[in-house]
Protein backbone atom coordinates (compact mmCIF):
# COMPACT_ATOMS: atom_id res chain seq x y z
CA MET A 1 -18.56 4.76 -1.13
CA THR A 2 -18.51 8.24 0.28
CA SER A 3 -15.80 10.59 1.51
CA PHE A 4 -13.44 9.57 4.29
CA GLY A 5 -14.99 12.15 6.62
CA HIS A 6 -18.45 10.74 5.94
CA TYR A 7 -17.12 7.23 6.59
CA ILE A 8 -15.84 8.35 10.00
CA LYS A 9 -19.15 10.03 10.83
CA THR A 10 -21.18 6.98 9.77
CA GLU A 11 -19.03 4.57 11.79
CA ARG A 12 -19.10 6.88 14.82
CA GLU A 13 -22.88 7.16 14.67
CA LYS A 14 -23.27 3.37 14.33
CA ARG A 15 -21.59 3.10 17.70
CA GLU A 16 -23.66 5.97 19.11
CA TRP A 17 -20.52 7.91 20.03
CA THR A 18 -20.51 11.68 20.18
CA GLN A 19 -17.77 13.58 18.41
CA THR A 20 -16.27 14.25 21.83
CA GLU A 21 -16.23 10.55 22.69
CA LEU A 22 -14.54 9.62 19.41
CA GLY A 23 -12.09 12.46 19.85
CA ILE A 24 -11.08 11.23 23.30
CA LYS A 25 -10.67 7.67 22.03
CA ILE A 26 -8.46 8.70 19.12
CA GLY A 27 -6.68 11.69 20.66
CA ILE A 28 -8.25 14.48 18.60
CA ASN A 29 -10.30 17.38 19.96
CA THR A 30 -14.02 17.66 19.28
CA SER A 31 -13.78 20.59 16.89
CA ALA A 32 -11.21 18.71 14.78
CA ILE A 33 -13.53 15.68 14.58
CA CYS A 34 -16.31 17.99 13.42
CA ARG A 35 -14.09 19.55 10.73
CA ILE A 36 -12.86 16.11 9.59
CA GLU A 37 -16.41 14.83 9.24
CA ASN A 38 -17.38 17.98 7.32
CA GLU A 39 -14.34 17.70 5.03
CA SER A 40 -12.82 21.02 6.07
CA GLN A 41 -9.85 19.35 7.81
CA LYS A 42 -7.74 16.39 6.77
CA PHE A 43 -7.47 13.28 8.91
CA SER A 44 -3.93 12.40 9.95
CA LYS A 45 -2.59 9.21 8.39
CA THR A 46 -0.72 8.56 11.66
CA LYS A 47 -4.11 7.90 13.30
CA LEU A 48 -5.29 5.28 10.76
CA ARG A 49 -4.25 2.28 12.86
CA LYS A 50 -6.07 3.61 15.92
CA LEU A 51 -9.16 4.37 13.84
CA ALA A 52 -9.18 0.83 12.43
CA GLU A 53 -8.92 -0.60 15.95
CA LEU A 54 -11.75 1.59 17.25
CA PHE A 55 -14.02 0.71 14.34
CA GLN A 56 -12.95 -2.95 14.52
CA THR A 57 -12.05 -2.78 10.84
CA ASP A 58 -9.12 -4.11 8.88
CA LEU A 59 -6.29 -1.55 8.71
CA GLN A 60 -5.96 -2.13 4.97
CA THR A 61 -9.61 -1.18 4.41
CA VAL A 62 -9.25 2.07 6.37
CA THR A 63 -5.96 2.87 4.61
CA ASP A 64 -7.51 2.22 1.19
CA LEU A 65 -10.48 4.48 1.98
CA PHE A 66 -8.16 7.22 3.26
CA PHE A 67 -5.89 7.23 0.20
CA ALA A 68 -8.72 6.77 -2.31
CA ASP A 69 -10.39 9.87 -0.87
CA LYS A 70 -7.10 11.76 -1.03
CA PHE A 71 -6.49 10.69 -4.65
CA VAL A 72 -9.98 11.69 -5.80
CA LYS A 73 -9.73 15.11 -4.12
CA GLU A 74 -6.40 15.77 -5.86
CA ALA A 75 -7.79 14.64 -9.22
CA MET A 76 -10.79 16.95 -8.79
CA LYS A 77 -8.61 19.84 -7.63
CA TYR A 78 -6.63 19.66 -10.88
CA LYS A 79 -9.74 19.04 -12.99
CA CYS A 80 -8.54 15.67 -14.29
CA SER A 81 -10.81 13.77 -16.63
CA GLU A 82 -12.64 10.58 -15.64
CA SER A 83 -9.96 8.58 -17.43
CA ILE A 84 -7.54 9.38 -14.61
CA PHE A 85 -8.94 6.46 -12.64
CA SER A 86 -8.22 3.85 -15.32
CA VAL A 87 -4.83 5.45 -15.98
CA ALA A 88 -4.05 5.22 -12.24
CA GLU A 89 -5.12 1.57 -12.17
CA ASN A 90 -2.87 0.79 -15.14
CA THR A 91 0.00 2.64 -13.50
CA ALA A 92 -0.51 0.72 -10.25
CA ASN A 93 -0.46 -2.56 -12.18
CA TYR A 94 2.75 -1.50 -13.89
CA TYR A 95 4.45 -0.75 -10.57
CA ARG A 96 3.25 -4.04 -9.09
CA ASN A 97 4.70 -5.95 -12.05
CA VAL A 98 8.00 -4.05 -11.94
CA ASN A 99 8.35 -4.77 -8.22
CA VAL A 100 7.60 -8.47 -8.73
CA LYS A 101 10.18 -8.76 -11.51
CA GLN A 102 12.78 -6.91 -9.46
CA GLY A 103 12.15 -9.25 -6.54
CA LYS A 104 13.10 -12.25 -8.70
CA LEU A 105 16.54 -10.98 -9.67
CA GLU A 106 19.37 -13.29 -8.72
CA LEU A 107 22.77 -11.80 -8.04
C-alpha cells in the first residue's frame, strides 16, 4: 500500500475527478486537496465517513488506511526500528484479549 494521500489521489483519478470536484464533494478547498495528496497536510479524521461514501469503500478500510499511515509517519518521525510493527501488533493483541476478558466479568 501507499500513503493515505496517494490513496486519495489514486481513487480520485480512477473516477476522473479533479481536485476541485473532490473538494466540493467532501467539503475541502482545492488547495487543501492538493496538499493532502502531496502529504504536506493531514486529512481530517472527521471526513473519513464521507470519503468512504464517495469512494464507495467500506469505512473500516478507509479508517485502517488512515491510521496505518499516521502510525507509520510517527514511527519514522521518532526513528523507531522495524520491530515497532511487530511490537504494535503484539500490543494490539494484548488489548483485544484484555477487553474480551473484561467483557466476560460477572458482577
